[in-house]
Protein backbone atom coordinates (compact mmCIF):
# COMPACT_ATOMS: atom_id res chain seq x y z
CA MET A 1 125.95 97.44 95.97
CA ASN A 2 123.19 98.50 98.36
CA ASN A 3 122.28 95.26 100.66
CA THR A 4 119.74 96.92 102.91
CA SER A 5 116.33 95.22 102.09
CA VAL A 6 113.04 96.85 102.98
CA PRO A 7 111.73 95.93 106.13
CA THR A 8 108.64 93.64 106.34
CA GLU A 9 105.70 93.95 108.55
CA ASN A 10 106.50 90.83 110.54
CA SER A 11 109.88 92.36 111.16
CA LYS A 12 110.15 94.70 114.27
CA THR A 13 112.21 97.49 112.48
CA PHE A 14 110.48 100.20 114.77
CA SER A 15 108.88 101.22 118.19
CA ILE A 16 106.43 103.77 118.76
CA ALA A 17 107.00 106.54 121.88
CA ILE A 18 103.52 108.29 122.96
CA VAL A 19 104.29 110.69 126.11
CA ASN A 20 101.04 110.98 128.11
CA TYR A 21 100.39 113.74 130.44
CA LYS A 22 96.29 114.12 131.60
CA THR A 23 94.84 113.67 128.11
CA PRO A 24 92.62 110.31 129.46
CA GLU A 25 89.98 111.35 125.70
CA ILE A 26 92.39 111.25 122.91
CA THR A 27 95.07 109.07 124.67
CA LYS A 28 92.19 106.28 124.40
CA ILE A 29 91.27 107.25 120.65
CA CYS A 30 95.53 107.56 120.04
CA LEU A 31 95.92 103.92 121.29
CA ASP A 32 92.52 102.69 119.74
CA LEU A 33 93.63 104.11 116.22
CA LEU A 34 97.37 102.57 116.37
CA ARG A 35 96.00 99.39 117.58
CA GLN A 36 94.00 98.88 114.74
CA HIS A 37 96.76 100.03 112.13
CA VAL A 38 99.73 98.68 113.68
CA ASP A 39 100.98 95.08 114.47
CA ILE A 40 101.38 95.42 117.89
CA ASN A 41 102.60 91.91 118.19
CA ASN A 42 105.77 93.53 116.03
CA THR A 43 105.84 96.84 116.51
CA PRO A 44 106.85 97.69 120.30
CA ILE A 45 104.44 100.73 121.85
CA TRP A 46 106.02 102.49 124.49
CA VAL A 47 103.53 105.24 126.19
CA VAL A 48 105.51 107.55 129.41
CA ASP A 49 103.23 108.72 131.61
CA ASN A 50 104.09 111.95 132.95
CA TYR A 51 103.19 111.83 136.67
CA SER A 52 99.21 111.86 135.55
CA ALA A 53 97.74 110.95 138.23
CA ASP A 54 94.10 110.66 136.78
CA GLU A 55 91.79 109.12 134.95
CA SER A 56 94.25 108.21 131.69
CA THR A 57 96.94 106.77 134.30
CA LYS A 58 94.82 104.21 135.32
CA TYR A 59 93.50 103.71 131.35
CA LEU A 60 97.14 102.95 130.70
CA ARG A 61 97.99 100.90 133.64
CA THR A 62 94.71 98.06 132.06
CA LEU A 63 96.52 97.99 128.23
CA ASP A 64 98.60 94.50 128.24
CA TRP A 65 99.76 95.22 124.82
CA ILE A 66 101.57 98.53 125.75
CA ASN A 67 104.90 99.09 127.55
CA LEU A 68 104.10 101.27 130.43
CA ILE A 69 106.97 103.38 132.10
CA GLU A 70 105.36 106.03 134.69
CA ARG A 71 107.08 108.75 135.48
CA SER A 72 107.77 110.91 139.05
CA VAL A 73 109.51 113.92 139.87
CA SER A 74 110.27 115.51 143.02
CA GLU A 75 109.39 118.89 141.89
CA PRO A 76 107.56 120.42 138.82
CA GLU A 77 109.51 121.07 135.15
CA PRO A 78 108.63 123.34 132.60
CA GLY A 79 106.25 120.52 130.28
CA HIS A 80 108.65 120.38 128.04
CA ILE A 81 111.48 119.44 129.81
CA ALA A 82 109.16 117.14 131.18
CA HIS A 83 108.23 115.90 127.74
CA GLY A 84 112.04 115.44 126.61
CA LYS A 85 113.33 113.76 129.65
CA ALA A 86 110.00 111.23 129.03
CA LEU A 87 111.29 110.37 125.53
CA ASP A 88 115.10 109.55 126.33
CA LEU A 89 113.63 107.30 128.79
CA VAL A 90 112.32 104.83 125.95
CA LEU A 91 115.02 105.61 123.50
CA GLU A 92 117.10 103.94 126.61
CA ARG A 93 115.16 100.69 126.90
CA ILE A 94 114.07 100.34 123.02
CA ASP A 95 116.16 97.76 120.81
CA THR A 96 114.99 98.95 117.17
CA ASP A 97 116.82 100.93 115.13
CA TYR A 98 114.20 103.63 114.16
CA LEU A 99 111.31 105.24 116.47
CA PHE A 100 108.40 106.68 116.04
CA LEU A 101 107.23 109.66 118.04
CA MET A 102 103.73 110.43 118.41
CA HIS A 103 101.60 112.95 120.40
CA THR A 104 98.53 111.77 122.01
CA ASP A 105 96.54 113.93 119.77
CA THR A 106 98.16 112.03 116.46
CA PHE A 107 95.09 109.96 115.16
CA VAL A 108 96.71 107.60 112.35
CA PHE A 109 93.94 106.39 109.56
CA ASP A 110 96.17 104.90 107.22
CA LYS A 111 98.86 102.67 108.66
CA ASN A 112 100.83 102.79 105.45
CA VAL A 113 102.28 105.97 107.16
CA PHE A 114 105.04 104.17 108.77
CA GLN A 115 106.02 102.83 105.82
CA MET A 116 106.07 105.93 103.80
CA MET A 117 108.42 107.20 105.88
CA LEU A 118 110.68 104.40 107.40
CA ASN A 119 111.22 103.95 103.64
CA LYS A 120 112.87 107.28 103.24
CA CYS A 121 115.53 106.20 105.72
CA ILE A 122 116.43 103.19 104.01
CA LYS A 123 116.46 104.74 100.39
CA ASN A 124 119.78 106.78 101.64
CA GLN A 125 121.24 105.90 104.76
CA LYS A 126 122.35 109.14 105.50
CA VAL A 127 118.30 110.23 106.94
CA VAL A 128 118.76 110.71 109.96
CA ALA A 129 115.04 111.96 110.57
CA VAL A 130 111.60 112.15 108.52
CA GLY A 131 108.84 114.27 109.71
CA CYS A 132 106.83 118.04 109.06
CA VAL A 133 107.75 121.30 110.22
CA GLU A 134 104.43 122.15 110.11
CA GLN A 135 101.58 120.62 112.64
CA ILE A 136 98.66 121.04 110.60
CA ASN A 137 97.93 121.57 107.02
CA ARG A 138 96.73 125.13 106.19
CA GLY A 139 96.56 124.53 102.56
CA THR A 140 98.15 126.98 99.78
CA VAL A 141 96.29 129.89 100.32
CA ARG A 142 97.26 130.23 104.18
CA THR A 143 100.57 128.95 104.41
CA LEU A 144 101.36 131.72 101.96
CA TRP A 145 99.92 134.31 103.55
CA ARG A 146 101.64 132.71 107.27
CA PHE A 147 104.82 132.95 105.10
CA SER A 148 104.71 136.26 103.84
CA SER A 149 103.53 137.64 106.78
CA ARG A 150 106.42 136.29 108.94
CA LEU A 151 108.84 137.43 106.57
CA PHE A 152 107.63 141.07 106.36
CA LYS A 153 107.83 141.13 110.56
CA HIS A 154 111.30 139.28 109.90
CA HIS A 155 111.95 141.85 107.87
CA PHE A 156 110.45 145.04 109.62
CA ARG A 157 112.37 143.81 112.83
CA ARG A 158 115.32 144.11 111.50
CA LEU A 159 114.85 147.34 110.16
CA LYS A 160 114.02 148.98 113.08
CA ILE A 161 117.09 147.16 115.10
CA SER A 162 119.00 148.64 112.07
CA VAL A 163 118.37 152.38 112.29
CA GLY A 164 118.15 152.45 116.13
CA LEU A 165 114.79 151.60 117.12
CA ARG A 166 113.52 149.46 120.11
CA SER A 167 112.06 146.56 118.66
CA ARG A 168 111.45 142.39 119.54
CA GLU A 169 114.03 139.98 118.01
CA PRO A 170 113.48 138.72 114.24
CA LYS A 171 111.55 135.29 114.44
CA PRO A 172 112.64 132.97 112.09
CA TYR A 173 110.45 133.25 109.10
CA ARG A 174 110.73 129.75 107.99
CA GLU A 175 110.07 126.82 109.76
CA ILE A 176 113.08 124.51 109.43
CA TYR A 177 112.72 122.03 112.68
CA LEU A 178 110.28 118.74 112.61
CA LYS A 179 107.66 119.00 114.96
CA SER A 180 107.30 115.33 117.10
CA PHE A 181 103.39 115.06 116.53
CA CYS A 182 104.83 111.92 114.19
CA THR A 183 108.23 112.35 113.37
CA LEU A 184 110.91 108.81 112.87
CA TRP A 185 114.29 109.02 113.88
CA ASN A 186 116.94 106.66 113.38
CA CYS A 187 117.92 105.75 117.12
CA LYS A 188 120.84 103.43 116.10
CA LEU A 189 122.54 106.70 114.48
CA ILE A 190 121.37 108.91 117.34
CA LYS A 191 123.39 106.36 119.73
CA GLN A 192 126.47 105.97 118.06
CA HIS A 193 127.10 109.90 118.72
CA GLY A 194 125.83 109.51 122.15
CA MET A 195 123.00 112.08 121.37
CA HIS A 196 119.65 112.62 123.22
CA PHE A 197 116.06 113.77 122.80
CA SER A 198 116.45 116.24 125.62
CA MET A 199 119.84 118.23 125.15
CA ASP A 200 119.63 121.78 126.80
CA ASP A 201 116.23 123.95 127.55
CA ARG A 202 115.33 123.84 124.33
CA VAL A 203 112.43 122.19 122.46
CA PRO A 204 113.06 118.13 122.83
CA GLY A 205 114.60 117.37 119.07
CA TYR A 206 115.49 120.77 117.94
CA THR A 207 119.69 120.59 119.36
CA LEU A 208 119.43 116.96 118.65
CA GLN A 209 118.19 117.70 114.68
CA ASP A 210 121.45 120.44 114.93
CA ARG A 211 123.70 118.21 115.93
CA MET A 212 123.11 115.22 113.52
CA THR A 213 122.88 117.76 110.59
CA GLU A 214 126.32 119.39 111.74
CA PHE A 215 127.79 115.38 111.58
CA GLY A 216 126.32 115.53 107.86
CA TYR A 217 123.54 113.85 108.37
CA VAL A 218 119.86 114.47 106.70
CA ILE A 219 116.59 115.93 107.83
CA GLU A 220 113.59 114.27 105.43
CA MET A 221 110.91 117.11 105.71
CA LEU A 222 107.20 115.59 104.76
CA SER A 223 104.81 118.11 102.99
CA PRO A 224 101.97 118.91 104.87
CA ARG A 225 99.31 117.78 102.66
CA LYS A 226 102.01 114.37 101.99
CA ILE A 227 101.55 113.82 105.93
CA PHE A 228 98.17 114.85 106.42
CA SER A 229 96.89 112.13 104.31
CA TYR A 230 97.89 109.32 106.56
CA LEU A 231 96.71 111.39 109.74
CA ASP A 232 95.19 113.98 111.92
CA HIS A 233 96.65 115.89 114.42
CA ILE A 234 94.96 118.41 117.03
CA GLN A 235 97.68 121.16 117.08
CA SER A 236 98.13 122.02 120.71
CA GLY A 237 95.84 119.30 121.66
CA THR A 238 97.70 117.99 124.38
CA VAL A 239 97.62 121.52 126.06
CA ALA A 240 93.82 121.79 125.63
CA ALA A 241 93.20 118.66 126.70
CA ALA A 242 95.18 119.24 129.75
CA GLY A 243 93.43 122.75 130.58
CA GLY A 244 96.37 124.70 129.60
CA TYR A 245 93.95 127.56 127.45
CA GLU A 246 90.96 129.18 128.50
CA LYS A 247 87.31 127.99 127.78
CA THR A 248 87.19 130.15 124.97
CA HIS A 249 90.53 129.97 123.54
CA ARG A 250 90.22 129.19 119.44
CA ARG A 251 93.25 126.26 120.08
CA THR A 252 90.39 125.10 123.03
CA LYS A 253 87.62 125.30 120.31
CA MET A 254 89.26 123.57 117.66
CA TYR A 255 90.16 120.67 120.30
CA ASN A 256 86.37 120.23 121.28
CA ASP A 257 85.26 120.46 117.45
CA ILE A 258 87.33 117.57 116.95
CA LEU A 259 87.31 115.75 119.52
CA LYS A 260 83.13 115.67 119.16
CA ARG A 261 83.89 114.61 115.31
CA LEU A 262 85.89 111.81 116.14
CA ASN A 263 83.73 110.27 119.12
CA LYS A 264 80.71 110.48 116.65
CA VAL A 265 82.62 108.75 113.90
CA ASP A 266 83.82 105.93 117.16
CA SER A 267 80.19 105.27 118.02
CA LYS A 268 78.82 104.99 114.25
CA ASN A 269 81.47 101.78 114.14
C-alpha cells in the first residue's frame, strides 16, 4: 500500500531556486509574482546572484523573505557553467525533497503549477524530474513545421556524410532535455546517487538527466500547452536583459515587447 500523502500548502515540501545575473527589471517582476502566488512562509525561495554587481544585486539585498547567496569568482566563467554552479550551491543547502528551478524571465500567474508538477512525482516515486522540453508555446502549426524542418536537416546531413560530402554534424531533431525555466527535481533521489546539476561542460541538468535515466528513473515531460497555461517565459530573456544580443535582434525585440506588456499590467494593478 502506498502511504505517500499529497503535500499540503502548509508543509515545506519544495524549495524554489532562481539564478540572477544582471536582470534587475525581470528579476523584480519574477519575484513579485512569486510572492503573490506562493506561501513564502512555507516555501524557501533561494536566489543566487552570479556576481552581478549592479542594481539587481542591491535589490535582492533588500528582500528579507528570500535566501540570498552572492557568488564571487576570480576569473570569468561561461554563462551555463556559472548557472550550474549556482544551482549546486542551492542543492547543497536545501532540506526539502523537491526543488523547482526557475529563471528570472519566468512569470508565474497560477500557483497551481507547483502542485500540478508535484503530483506527478507523488503519484510515481520513480519520477525524478518534471518539466517541458520547449521554452515557448509555438502552437500546433509552428511546432509541426519546426519538427519537420529539423527532421529534414538531420537526415539530409546524414545523407551527405554517408556519400562522402562535407556537412555539419546532424543535430537531434527531437528535444529530449528538460529546460530549466520551470523544472521540478526530486533532490532526495539526486543526493542519494551523489549527483549534481553541473557535472561537466554541458548545459546544467543535461548529464544529470542522462544519469538518472540510466538508473531507471522517469522524466515526466509536460506539453508546452499544459505548462504555459500557468506561466509565461521569455525565450532567452535573461540573455536579452543582460545585453547579450544586438538591439535589433528578434529576441531583444521580443523581450522589450513582453516587458512593456508586463509593466503595463503591473501599473494597472
